[in-house]
Protein backbone atom coordinates (compact mmCIF):
# COMPACT_ATOMS: atom_id res chain seq x y z
CA MET A 1 25.72 -0.02 9.92
CA ALA A 2 29.65 -0.13 9.16
CA ALA A 3 30.57 2.10 5.84
CA SER A 4 32.26 -1.09 4.46
CA GLU A 5 28.77 -3.10 4.41
CA VAL A 6 27.03 0.05 3.15
CA GLN A 7 29.30 -0.23 -0.03
CA THR A 8 30.07 -4.23 -0.38
CA LYS A 9 26.32 -5.40 0.08
CA ALA A 10 24.44 -5.73 -3.42
CA LEU A 11 21.29 -3.83 -3.83
CA ARG A 12 19.45 -7.25 -4.62
CA GLU A 13 20.95 -8.70 -1.39
CA ARG A 14 19.37 -5.99 1.13
CA VAL A 15 16.11 -7.23 2.52
CA ILE A 16 13.23 -4.97 2.88
CA ILE A 17 10.39 -5.51 4.57
CA ILE A 18 7.18 -3.37 4.02
CA ARG A 19 4.12 -3.13 6.46
CA GLY A 20 1.20 -3.36 4.45
CA ALA A 21 0.52 -4.50 1.15
CA GLY A 22 -2.22 -2.30 -0.25
CA GLU A 23 -2.54 0.09 -3.21
CA MET A 24 0.10 2.46 -1.97
CA ALA A 25 2.45 -0.19 -0.43
CA THR A 26 2.52 -1.88 -3.63
CA GLY A 27 3.35 1.32 -5.69
CA VAL A 28 6.43 1.29 -3.18
CA ALA A 29 7.18 -2.31 -3.69
CA CYS A 30 6.83 -2.36 -7.34
CA ARG A 31 9.39 0.87 -7.37
CA LEU A 32 11.95 -0.97 -5.25
CA PHE A 33 11.77 -4.21 -7.43
CA ARG A 34 12.68 -2.50 -10.65
CA ALA A 35 15.52 -0.62 -8.96
CA ASN A 36 16.88 -4.17 -8.52
CA PHE A 37 15.84 -4.60 -4.67
CA ARG A 38 14.75 -8.02 -4.95
CA ARG A 39 14.51 -9.20 -1.50
CA ILE A 40 11.06 -7.64 -0.43
CA LEU A 41 8.71 -9.09 2.15
CA MET A 42 5.17 -7.28 2.55
CA LEU A 43 3.24 -7.89 5.73
CA GLU A 44 -0.67 -8.05 5.95
CA THR A 45 -3.61 -8.72 8.14
CA ALA A 46 -5.21 -12.13 7.54
CA SER A 47 -8.06 -10.35 6.04
CA PRO A 48 -7.00 -7.22 4.09
CA LEU A 49 -9.63 -4.69 2.99
CA ALA A 50 -7.94 -3.27 -0.21
CA VAL A 51 -10.09 -1.08 -2.45
CA ARG A 52 -8.09 -1.08 -5.71
CA ARG A 53 -7.72 -4.79 -5.01
CA ARG A 54 -6.03 -5.10 -9.29
CA VAL A 55 -3.10 -2.99 -8.19
CA SER A 56 -2.85 -4.46 -4.34
CA PHE A 57 -0.20 -7.04 -3.54
CA CYS A 58 -2.54 -7.83 -0.46
CA GLU A 59 -4.56 -9.53 -2.68
CA ALA A 60 -2.39 -12.89 -2.57
CA VAL A 61 -3.43 -13.59 1.04
CA HIS A 62 -6.79 -14.42 -0.80
CA GLU A 63 -5.57 -15.78 -4.05
CA GLN A 64 -1.97 -16.56 -3.39
CA ARG A 65 -0.35 -14.95 -5.63
CA MET A 66 -1.08 -11.38 -7.26
CA THR A 67 0.75 -9.70 -10.23
CA VAL A 68 0.71 -5.78 -10.76
CA GLU A 69 2.33 -4.38 -13.90
CA GLY A 70 4.19 -7.62 -14.67
CA ILE A 71 5.66 -8.10 -11.13
CA GLU A 72 4.47 -11.14 -8.92
CA ALA A 73 3.91 -11.36 -5.29
CA VAL A 74 3.07 -14.80 -3.55
CA ARG A 75 1.68 -15.42 -0.44
CA VAL A 76 4.67 -17.33 2.10
CA SER A 77 4.41 -18.94 5.44
CA GLY A 78 7.74 -19.58 7.02
CA GLU A 79 11.45 -18.83 5.67
CA ALA A 80 11.70 -21.88 3.26
CA GLU A 81 8.81 -20.30 1.31
CA LEU A 82 10.13 -16.86 1.84
CA HIS A 83 13.72 -17.60 0.41
CA ALA A 84 11.80 -20.00 -2.40
CA ALA A 85 9.95 -16.59 -3.56
CA TRP A 86 12.79 -14.67 -3.50
CA GLU A 87 15.06 -17.09 -5.56
CA ALA A 88 12.18 -17.26 -8.22
CA GLY A 89 12.33 -13.42 -8.42
CA ARG A 90 9.08 -12.62 -6.67
CA ILE A 91 7.91 -10.32 -3.71
CA ALA A 92 6.62 -12.09 -0.77
CA VAL A 93 3.75 -11.65 1.13
CA MET A 94 3.14 -12.68 4.76
CA VAL A 95 0.34 -12.76 7.10
CA ASP A 96 2.15 -11.07 10.15
CA PRO A 97 -0.18 -7.90 11.20
CA ARG A 98 2.51 -7.66 14.48
CA GLY A 99 5.27 -7.64 12.54
CA GLU A 100 6.98 -10.29 14.16
CA SER A 101 8.95 -11.14 11.15
CA ILE A 102 11.02 -7.76 11.41
CA ARG A 103 12.61 -9.28 14.67
CA LEU A 104 13.16 -12.56 12.84
CA TYR A 105 14.50 -11.67 9.50
CA ARG A 106 15.93 -8.25 10.70
CA PRO A 107 15.71 -6.36 7.84
CA ASP A 108 18.22 -3.73 5.96
CA VAL A 109 14.94 -1.35 5.61
CA LEU A 110 12.03 -1.21 7.18
CA ILE A 111 8.93 0.75 5.54
CA ASP A 112 5.71 1.27 7.33
CA ALA A 113 2.87 1.81 4.63
CA THR A 114 0.05 0.83 6.12
CA LEU A 115 -1.39 4.36 5.87
CA ALA A 116 -3.22 3.96 9.10
CA LYS A 117 -2.24 7.99 9.91
CA ARG A 118 -1.00 6.60 13.42
CA ASN A 119 1.87 4.35 14.64
CA LEU A 120 0.88 0.86 15.21
CA GLY A 121 4.17 -0.42 16.63
CA THR A 122 6.77 0.87 14.22
CA ALA A 123 9.99 1.76 15.94
CA ILE A 124 13.12 3.55 14.86
CA ALA A 125 15.45 0.63 15.98
CA ASP A 126 13.55 -1.81 13.72
CA ALA A 127 16.22 -1.47 11.08
CA PRO A 128 19.05 0.51 10.00
CA LEU A 129 16.70 2.26 7.96
CA VAL A 130 13.22 2.91 8.93
CA ILE A 131 10.72 5.04 6.42
CA ALA A 132 7.26 5.71 7.06
CA LEU A 133 4.37 7.00 4.84
CA GLY A 134 2.07 9.81 5.97
CA PRO A 135 0.86 11.35 9.21
CA GLY A 136 1.35 9.49 12.75
CA PHE A 137 5.13 9.25 12.75
CA LEU A 138 7.74 11.48 14.10
CA ALA A 139 10.98 11.55 11.97
CA GLY A 140 13.87 10.90 14.04
CA ARG A 141 11.95 9.50 17.11
CA ASP A 142 9.44 6.95 15.25
CA CYS A 143 11.50 6.43 12.29
CA HIS A 144 14.31 8.00 10.33
CA VAL A 145 12.63 9.48 7.17
CA VAL A 146 8.77 10.36 7.06
CA VAL A 147 7.13 10.67 3.47
CA GLU A 148 4.66 13.42 2.64
CA THR A 149 1.30 11.41 1.48
CA ASN A 150 -0.90 14.57 0.97
CA ARG A 151 -1.44 15.20 -2.66
CA GLY A 152 -0.45 18.86 -3.62
CA HIS A 153 2.93 20.66 -3.78
CA ASP A 154 4.69 18.37 -1.07
CA LEU A 155 3.64 15.14 -2.12
CA GLY A 156 6.44 12.99 -1.91
CA ARG A 157 8.47 15.16 0.14
CA LEU A 158 11.40 13.60 2.54
CA ILE A 159 10.91 14.92 6.15
CA THR A 160 14.12 13.91 8.42
CA GLU A 161 12.88 16.23 11.31
CA GLY A 162 9.23 16.32 12.04
CA GLU A 163 6.28 14.92 10.89
CA ALA A 164 3.75 14.96 7.94
CA GLU A 165 0.87 17.13 7.37
CA ALA A 166 -2.25 15.89 9.26
CA ASP A 167 -4.88 14.10 7.30
CA THR A 168 -7.29 16.28 5.74
CA GLY A 169 -9.96 13.47 5.66
CA ILE A 170 -10.84 15.03 1.75
CA PRO A 171 -10.02 12.37 -1.00
CA GLY A 172 -7.53 13.58 -3.90
CA ASP A 173 -9.60 15.26 -6.88
CA ILE A 174 -10.30 13.37 -9.70
CA GLY A 175 -11.99 14.66 -12.64
CA GLY A 176 -13.08 17.57 -10.51
CA HIS A 177 -14.61 14.95 -7.92
CA THR A 178 -13.45 14.27 -4.36
CA ARG A 179 -15.63 12.89 -1.69
CA GLU A 180 -18.22 12.01 -4.02
CA ARG A 181 -16.56 9.69 -6.06
CA VAL A 182 -15.55 7.29 -2.87
CA LEU A 183 -18.21 4.95 -1.89
CA ARG A 184 -18.59 4.29 2.15
CA ALA A 185 -20.21 1.86 4.32
CA PRO A 186 -23.68 3.30 5.25
CA ALA A 187 -23.76 0.86 8.20
CA ASP A 188 -21.82 -1.84 10.16
CA GLY A 189 -22.38 -5.27 8.24
CA LEU A 190 -21.94 -7.76 5.69
CA PHE A 191 -20.84 -6.23 2.23
CA THR A 192 -22.30 -8.01 -0.52
CA SER A 193 -21.94 -6.85 -4.49
CA ALA A 194 -22.57 -8.43 -7.78
CA ARG A 195 -20.36 -5.55 -9.53
CA GLN A 196 -16.74 -5.77 -10.78
CA ILE A 197 -13.90 -3.64 -10.88
CA GLY A 198 -13.75 -2.12 -14.25
CA GLU A 199 -17.36 -1.92 -15.02
CA PRO A 200 -18.93 1.59 -16.15
CA VAL A 201 -21.49 2.52 -13.73
CA ARG A 202 -24.01 5.68 -13.48
CA GLN A 203 -24.83 8.20 -10.98
CA GLY A 204 -27.71 6.39 -8.74
CA GLU A 205 -26.79 2.84 -9.80
CA LEU A 206 -26.79 0.26 -7.00
CA ILE A 207 -23.32 -0.77 -6.36
CA GLY A 208 -23.85 -3.24 -3.59
CA ARG A 209 -25.54 -3.30 0.01
CA VAL A 210 -23.98 -3.32 3.86
CA GLY A 211 -26.57 -5.33 5.43
CA GLU A 212 -30.16 -4.07 3.94
CA ALA A 213 -28.58 -0.71 3.15
CA GLU A 214 -27.97 0.10 -0.36
CA VAL A 215 -24.88 1.63 -1.46
CA THR A 216 -25.42 3.38 -4.81
CA ALA A 217 -23.32 5.90 -7.32
CA ARG A 218 -22.89 9.29 -6.78
CA ILE A 219 -21.60 10.12 -10.11
CA ASP A 220 -21.03 8.67 -13.57
CA GLY A 221 -17.58 6.71 -14.11
CA VAL A 222 -15.82 3.53 -14.04
CA LEU A 223 -15.56 1.53 -10.84
CA ARG A 224 -11.76 1.71 -10.31
CA GLY A 225 -11.94 -0.07 -6.89
CA LEU A 226 -14.04 -2.39 -4.64
CA ILE A 227 -13.63 -4.28 -1.40
CA ARG A 228 -13.95 -8.16 -1.88
CA PRO A 229 -17.48 -8.97 -1.59
CA ASP A 230 -18.91 -10.79 1.69
CA SER A 231 -16.23 -8.66 4.03
CA MET A 232 -17.42 -7.20 7.13
CA VAL A 233 -17.35 -3.63 7.16
CA GLY A 234 -17.99 -0.85 9.84
CA LYS A 235 -19.88 2.17 9.16
CA GLY A 236 -17.70 5.03 7.31
CA LEU A 237 -15.34 2.38 6.16
CA LYS A 238 -14.06 3.13 2.41
CA ILE A 239 -15.56 0.46 0.20
CA GLY A 240 -15.18 1.52 -3.23
CA ASP A 241 -14.13 4.11 -5.73
CA ILE A 242 -15.47 5.53 -8.92
CA ASP A 243 -13.15 7.22 -11.30
CA PRO A 244 -15.02 10.12 -13.37
CA ARG A 245 -12.24 9.77 -16.26
CA GLY A 246 -14.03 6.58 -17.51
CA GLU A 247 -10.62 4.92 -18.57
CA ALA A 248 -10.97 1.12 -17.42
CA GLY A 249 -7.17 0.77 -18.01
CA PHE A 250 -6.49 2.78 -15.12
CA CYS A 251 -7.85 -0.16 -12.90
CA ASP A 252 -5.05 -1.88 -13.61
CA THR A 253 -2.42 0.24 -13.32
CA ILE A 254 -0.41 1.89 -10.26
CA SER A 255 -1.70 5.54 -9.87
CA GLU A 256 0.23 8.46 -10.19
CA LYS A 257 0.13 8.89 -6.02
CA ALA A 258 1.67 5.62 -5.59
CA ARG A 259 4.19 6.05 -8.16
CA ALA A 260 5.24 9.33 -6.63
CA LEU A 261 5.52 7.95 -3.04
CA GLY A 262 7.42 4.47 -4.72
CA GLY A 263 9.73 7.05 -5.68
CA ALA A 264 10.49 9.05 -2.47
CA VAL A 265 10.91 5.79 -0.88
CA LEU A 266 13.67 4.64 -3.41
CA GLU A 267 15.37 7.89 -2.90
CA ALA A 268 15.41 7.86 0.42
CA VAL A 269 17.04 4.21 0.24
CA LEU A 270 19.28 4.86 -2.42
CA ALA A 271 20.50 8.08 -0.42
CA VAL A 272 21.96 5.69 2.09
CA TYR A 273 22.95 2.79 0.07
CA ASN A 274 24.57 4.59 -2.94
CA ARG A 275 26.90 6.77 -1.01
CA GLY A 276 30.34 7.01 -1.14
C-alpha cells in the first residue's frame, strides 16, 4: 500500500473484515469500533455455537441484531445492506463461512478471530494487513501478525515472526477453577435446556441434556454462558460455562481476555495506519 494512502485515508473509512463473531472476535470488534473504525464486517457460519451468547455478535445470525456494551451489530446480506449498516453506525454480520466476501470487498485489514487452532483458509495475500489470533498460524507465511491468546504473561503479545503457543487444552483459571467450570457435551446429539444465562446454579444441578445424557454443574456459581438450546453438538464440545465468582453482571460484559485481545489487534492496526 502506498505511503500516501496510509496517511490520507481516514480510520473510519478503513474496511475491516473479521472472520468469526464469537466472544473473542466481538471483543476485538468493539475495541476497533470505539477507536473510530466504523466499516467492520464479521463473517460467520449459518449456525454459530457461541457459549457466551450475550457478548457475541454472532447472535445476530439468529436474532437479526445484537447489542454488546452499547454497540449494535446487524445481520446483512449483500452490498446494499452492508453499506446501510455502516451508514447507520452499526457493525455488519454476514453468513459467509468460506470468506468469499474477502475477495469481494477487498478489506484494508483482515482479522482471523475464529480461534479454530488451525488455519481454515486465511492467507497473507488476503489484505494489506492480515492478523490472526492464536495457534495455527505462522507470522510471515499465513499472516503479518499473530496475537498470543494463551492466558498468562504473554497474553495479547504481538508476534511478527513465528507462531503463538500451542493450545494447552486447559480453560483459564477463574476463582480457582479451570476444567470443572466448563460444561461439555457428554455425547453426540441434540442439546436441550430450560436454563437461562445469568441464573445461579449449584453443584450437581441439572443444566440440560444431550439426547438422554444429563449435563450437570460441577461447581456453584452463575451460568455465564450456554449454547443455544436445540443445537446439534458433538461429544466433548464446550456447551456452557459456570462463573464461580457469582456475579450475574459479568454475563453481559466483555471479558478481560477479550479486551486484551482487542487491545492487541488495535495496537497492530494503529502501528500501520498511524505511522508517519
